[in-house]
Amino acid sequence: MDDLEQKVKKIIAEQLGKNEADIKNEASFIEDLGAELVMALEDAFKVQIPDEQQENLRTVQQAIDFIKANVKA
């Protein structure tokens, strides 16, 4: 697992009070994780996720891919 993926999963786990190991890339934010975490991800990665993009971020992997594509290293 790369650093970015690990950081995303850590944020999700902390926000939801879940174990990091239980956060799977194919997990759905709404159905599986029980919450929308866009604001926490925006704060952590200093990125703005437009409303229309938020609707497309349904899984952990989609969030990881968006952050990789939009955050400068």
N, C-alpha and C. Protein backbone atom coordinates (compact mmCIF):
# COMPACT_ATOMS: atom_id res chain seq x y z
N MET A 1 0.85 -1.18 0.00
CA MET A 1 0.00 0.00 0.00
C MET A 1 0.89 1.24 0.00
N ASP A 2 0.62 2.17 -0.92
CA ASP A 2 1.44 3.37 -0.97
C ASP A 2 1.02 4.35 0.11
N ASP A 3 1.84 5.38 0.32
CA ASP A 3 1.62 6.35 1.40
C ASP A 3 0.28 7.07 1.26
N LEU A 4 -0.07 7.47 0.05
CA LEU A 4 -1.32 8.19 -0.16
C LEU A 4 -2.51 7.31 0.19
N GLU A 5 -2.50 6.09 -0.28
CA GLU A 5 -3.59 5.16 0.02
C GLU A 5 -3.71 4.94 1.52
N GLN A 6 -2.58 4.78 2.18
CA GLN A 6 -2.57 4.57 3.62
C GLN A 6 -3.13 5.79 4.35
N LYS A 7 -2.77 7.00 3.90
CA LYS A 7 -3.26 8.22 4.54
C LYS A 7 -4.77 8.36 4.36
N VAL A 8 -5.28 8.08 3.14
CA VAL A 8 -6.72 8.15 2.90
C VAL A 8 -7.45 7.18 3.82
N LYS A 9 -6.96 5.97 3.91
CA LYS A 9 -7.61 4.96 4.76
C LYS A 9 -7.54 5.35 6.24
N LYS A 10 -6.44 5.97 6.64
CA LYS A 10 -6.31 6.40 8.03
C LYS A 10 -7.34 7.48 8.36
N ILE A 11 -7.51 8.44 7.45
CA ILE A 11 -8.50 9.51 7.65
C ILE A 11 -9.90 8.92 7.76
N ILE A 12 -10.22 8.01 6.85
CA ILE A 12 -11.54 7.38 6.87
C ILE A 12 -11.75 6.61 8.18
N ALA A 13 -10.76 5.84 8.57
CA ALA A 13 -10.86 5.06 9.81
C ALA A 13 -11.06 5.97 11.02
N GLU A 14 -10.30 7.06 11.08
CA GLU A 14 -10.42 7.98 12.21
C GLU A 14 -11.79 8.65 12.23
N GLN A 15 -12.27 9.08 11.08
CA GLN A 15 -13.55 9.77 11.00
C GLN A 15 -14.72 8.86 11.39
N LEU A 16 -14.60 7.58 11.06
CA LEU A 16 -15.70 6.65 11.30
C LEU A 16 -15.50 5.78 12.53
N GLY A 17 -14.34 5.92 13.18
CA GLY A 17 -14.06 5.09 14.34
C GLY A 17 -13.94 3.62 13.98
N LYS A 18 -13.37 3.35 12.82
CA LYS A 18 -13.18 1.97 12.36
C LYS A 18 -11.70 1.63 12.33
N ASN A 19 -11.41 0.34 12.23
CA ASN A 19 -10.05 -0.14 12.11
C ASN A 19 -9.59 0.07 10.66
N GLU A 20 -8.38 0.60 10.50
CA GLU A 20 -7.83 0.85 9.16
C GLU A 20 -7.87 -0.40 8.28
N ALA A 21 -7.60 -1.55 8.86
CA ALA A 21 -7.56 -2.81 8.11
C ALA A 21 -8.93 -3.16 7.54
N ASP A 22 -10.00 -2.60 8.11
CA ASP A 22 -11.35 -2.89 7.64
C ASP A 22 -11.77 -2.00 6.47
N ILE A 23 -10.96 -1.00 6.14
CA ILE A 23 -11.29 -0.08 5.05
C ILE A 23 -10.74 -0.65 3.75
N LYS A 24 -11.63 -1.11 2.91
CA LYS A 24 -11.25 -1.72 1.63
C LYS A 24 -11.42 -0.72 0.50
N ASN A 25 -10.58 -0.83 -0.52
CA ASN A 25 -10.62 0.10 -1.65
C ASN A 25 -11.95 0.07 -2.39
N GLU A 26 -12.62 -1.05 -2.41
CA GLU A 26 -13.88 -1.15 -3.11
C GLU A 26 -15.08 -0.76 -2.24
N ALA A 27 -14.80 -0.42 -0.98
CA ALA A 27 -15.88 -0.02 -0.07
C ALA A 27 -16.52 1.28 -0.53
N SER A 28 -17.83 1.32 -0.46
CA SER A 28 -18.58 2.52 -0.82
C SER A 28 -18.68 3.43 0.39
N PHE A 29 -18.43 4.73 0.18
CA PHE A 29 -18.52 5.67 1.28
C PHE A 29 -19.89 5.62 1.95
N ILE A 30 -20.93 5.66 1.17
CA ILE A 30 -22.26 5.76 1.73
C ILE A 30 -22.77 4.40 2.20
N GLU A 31 -22.76 3.40 1.33
CA GLU A 31 -23.33 2.11 1.68
C GLU A 31 -22.47 1.34 2.70
N ASP A 32 -21.16 1.27 2.48
CA ASP A 32 -20.31 0.44 3.31
C ASP A 32 -19.72 1.16 4.51
N LEU A 33 -19.36 2.41 4.34
CA LEU A 33 -18.66 3.11 5.41
C LEU A 33 -19.60 3.99 6.23
N GLY A 34 -20.77 4.25 5.70
CA GLY A 34 -21.78 4.93 6.50
C GLY A 34 -21.61 6.44 6.61
N ALA A 35 -20.76 7.05 5.81
CA ALA A 35 -20.57 8.50 5.91
C ALA A 35 -19.95 9.04 4.65
N GLU A 36 -20.13 10.32 4.46
CA GLU A 36 -19.45 11.01 3.36
C GLU A 36 -18.26 11.74 3.97
N LEU A 37 -17.08 11.55 3.43
CA LEU A 37 -15.85 12.03 4.06
C LEU A 37 -15.13 13.08 3.25
N VAL A 38 -15.82 13.70 2.33
CA VAL A 38 -15.18 14.64 1.42
C VAL A 38 -14.47 15.77 2.16
N MET A 39 -15.13 16.36 3.14
CA MET A 39 -14.52 17.50 3.85
C MET A 39 -13.22 17.10 4.55
N ALA A 40 -13.20 15.95 5.17
CA ALA A 40 -11.99 15.49 5.85
C ALA A 40 -10.86 15.27 4.85
N LEU A 41 -11.18 14.73 3.69
CA LEU A 41 -10.15 14.52 2.67
C LEU A 41 -9.66 15.85 2.11
N GLU A 42 -10.58 16.79 1.89
CA GLU A 42 -10.18 18.11 1.40
C GLU A 42 -9.22 18.79 2.38
N ASP A 43 -9.55 18.72 3.65
CA ASP A 43 -8.69 19.33 4.67
C ASP A 43 -7.32 18.66 4.74
N ALA A 44 -7.32 17.35 4.72
CA ALA A 44 -6.07 16.61 4.88
C ALA A 44 -5.12 16.80 3.70
N PHE A 45 -5.68 16.90 2.49
CA PHE A 45 -4.85 16.96 1.29
C PHE A 45 -4.81 18.34 0.66
N LYS A 46 -5.46 19.31 1.31
CA LYS A 46 -5.46 20.70 0.81
C LYS A 46 -5.90 20.75 -0.65
N VAL A 47 -7.02 20.10 -0.92
CA VAL A 47 -7.57 20.04 -2.27
C VAL A 47 -9.05 20.38 -2.20
N GLN A 48 -9.54 21.02 -3.23
CA GLN A 48 -10.97 21.31 -3.33
C GLN A 48 -11.60 20.27 -4.25
N ILE A 49 -12.61 19.59 -3.75
CA ILE A 49 -13.31 18.60 -4.56
C ILE A 49 -14.65 19.22 -4.96
N PRO A 50 -14.79 19.60 -6.24
CA PRO A 50 -16.02 20.23 -6.70
C PRO A 50 -17.24 19.34 -6.46
N ASP A 51 -18.39 19.97 -6.25
CA ASP A 51 -19.63 19.23 -5.97
C ASP A 51 -19.90 18.14 -7.01
N GLU A 52 -19.71 18.48 -8.28
CA GLU A 52 -20.00 17.49 -9.31
C GLU A 52 -19.05 16.29 -9.24
N GLN A 53 -17.83 16.51 -8.76
CA GLN A 53 -16.87 15.42 -8.58
C GLN A 53 -17.21 14.59 -7.35
N GLN A 54 -17.72 15.24 -6.31
CA GLN A 54 -18.07 14.53 -5.08
C GLN A 54 -19.07 13.41 -5.35
N GLU A 55 -20.00 13.69 -6.25
CA GLU A 55 -21.00 12.68 -6.60
C GLU A 55 -20.38 11.45 -7.24
N ASN A 56 -19.21 11.63 -7.87
CA ASN A 56 -18.53 10.51 -8.53
C ASN A 56 -17.59 9.75 -7.60
N LEU A 57 -17.31 10.30 -6.43
CA LEU A 57 -16.42 9.64 -5.48
C LEU A 57 -17.25 8.74 -4.57
N ARG A 58 -17.50 7.56 -5.05
CA ARG A 58 -18.35 6.63 -4.32
C ARG A 58 -17.57 5.58 -3.53
N THR A 59 -16.32 5.35 -3.93
CA THR A 59 -15.53 4.31 -3.24
C THR A 59 -14.21 4.89 -2.75
N VAL A 60 -13.57 4.16 -1.88
CA VAL A 60 -12.25 4.55 -1.37
C VAL A 60 -11.27 4.68 -2.52
N GLN A 61 -11.28 3.73 -3.45
CA GLN A 61 -10.35 3.76 -4.58
C GLN A 61 -10.58 4.99 -5.45
N GLN A 62 -11.82 5.37 -5.68
CA GLN A 62 -12.10 6.56 -6.47
C GLN A 62 -11.56 7.82 -5.78
N ALA A 63 -11.65 7.86 -4.46
CA ALA A 63 -11.10 8.99 -3.71
C ALA A 63 -9.58 9.02 -3.83
N ILE A 64 -8.95 7.87 -3.70
CA ILE A 64 -7.49 7.77 -3.84
C ILE A 64 -7.07 8.24 -5.23
N ASP A 65 -7.76 7.76 -6.25
CA ASP A 65 -7.42 8.14 -7.63
C ASP A 65 -7.58 9.64 -7.85
N PHE A 66 -8.67 10.23 -7.32
CA PHE A 66 -8.89 11.67 -7.47
C PHE A 66 -7.76 12.45 -6.80
N ILE A 67 -7.40 12.07 -5.59
CA ILE A 67 -6.35 12.78 -4.86
C ILE A 67 -5.02 12.64 -5.59
N LYS A 68 -4.69 11.45 -6.06
CA LYS A 68 -3.45 11.27 -6.81
C LYS A 68 -3.39 12.19 -8.03
N ALA A 69 -4.52 12.36 -8.69
CA ALA A 69 -4.58 13.16 -9.91
C ALA A 69 -4.60 14.66 -9.63
N ASN A 70 -4.98 15.06 -8.44
CA ASN A 70 -5.21 16.49 -8.18
C ASN A 70 -4.35 17.11 -7.09
N VAL A 71 -3.51 16.32 -6.45
CA VAL A 71 -2.64 16.87 -5.40
C VAL A 71 -1.21 16.87 -5.92
N LYS A 72 -0.59 18.00 -5.79
CA LYS A 72 0.81 18.11 -6.21
C LYS A 72 1.69 17.51 -5.13
N ALA A 73 2.60 16.67 -5.55
CA ALA A 73 3.49 15.97 -4.60
C ALA A 73 4.49 16.90 -3.96
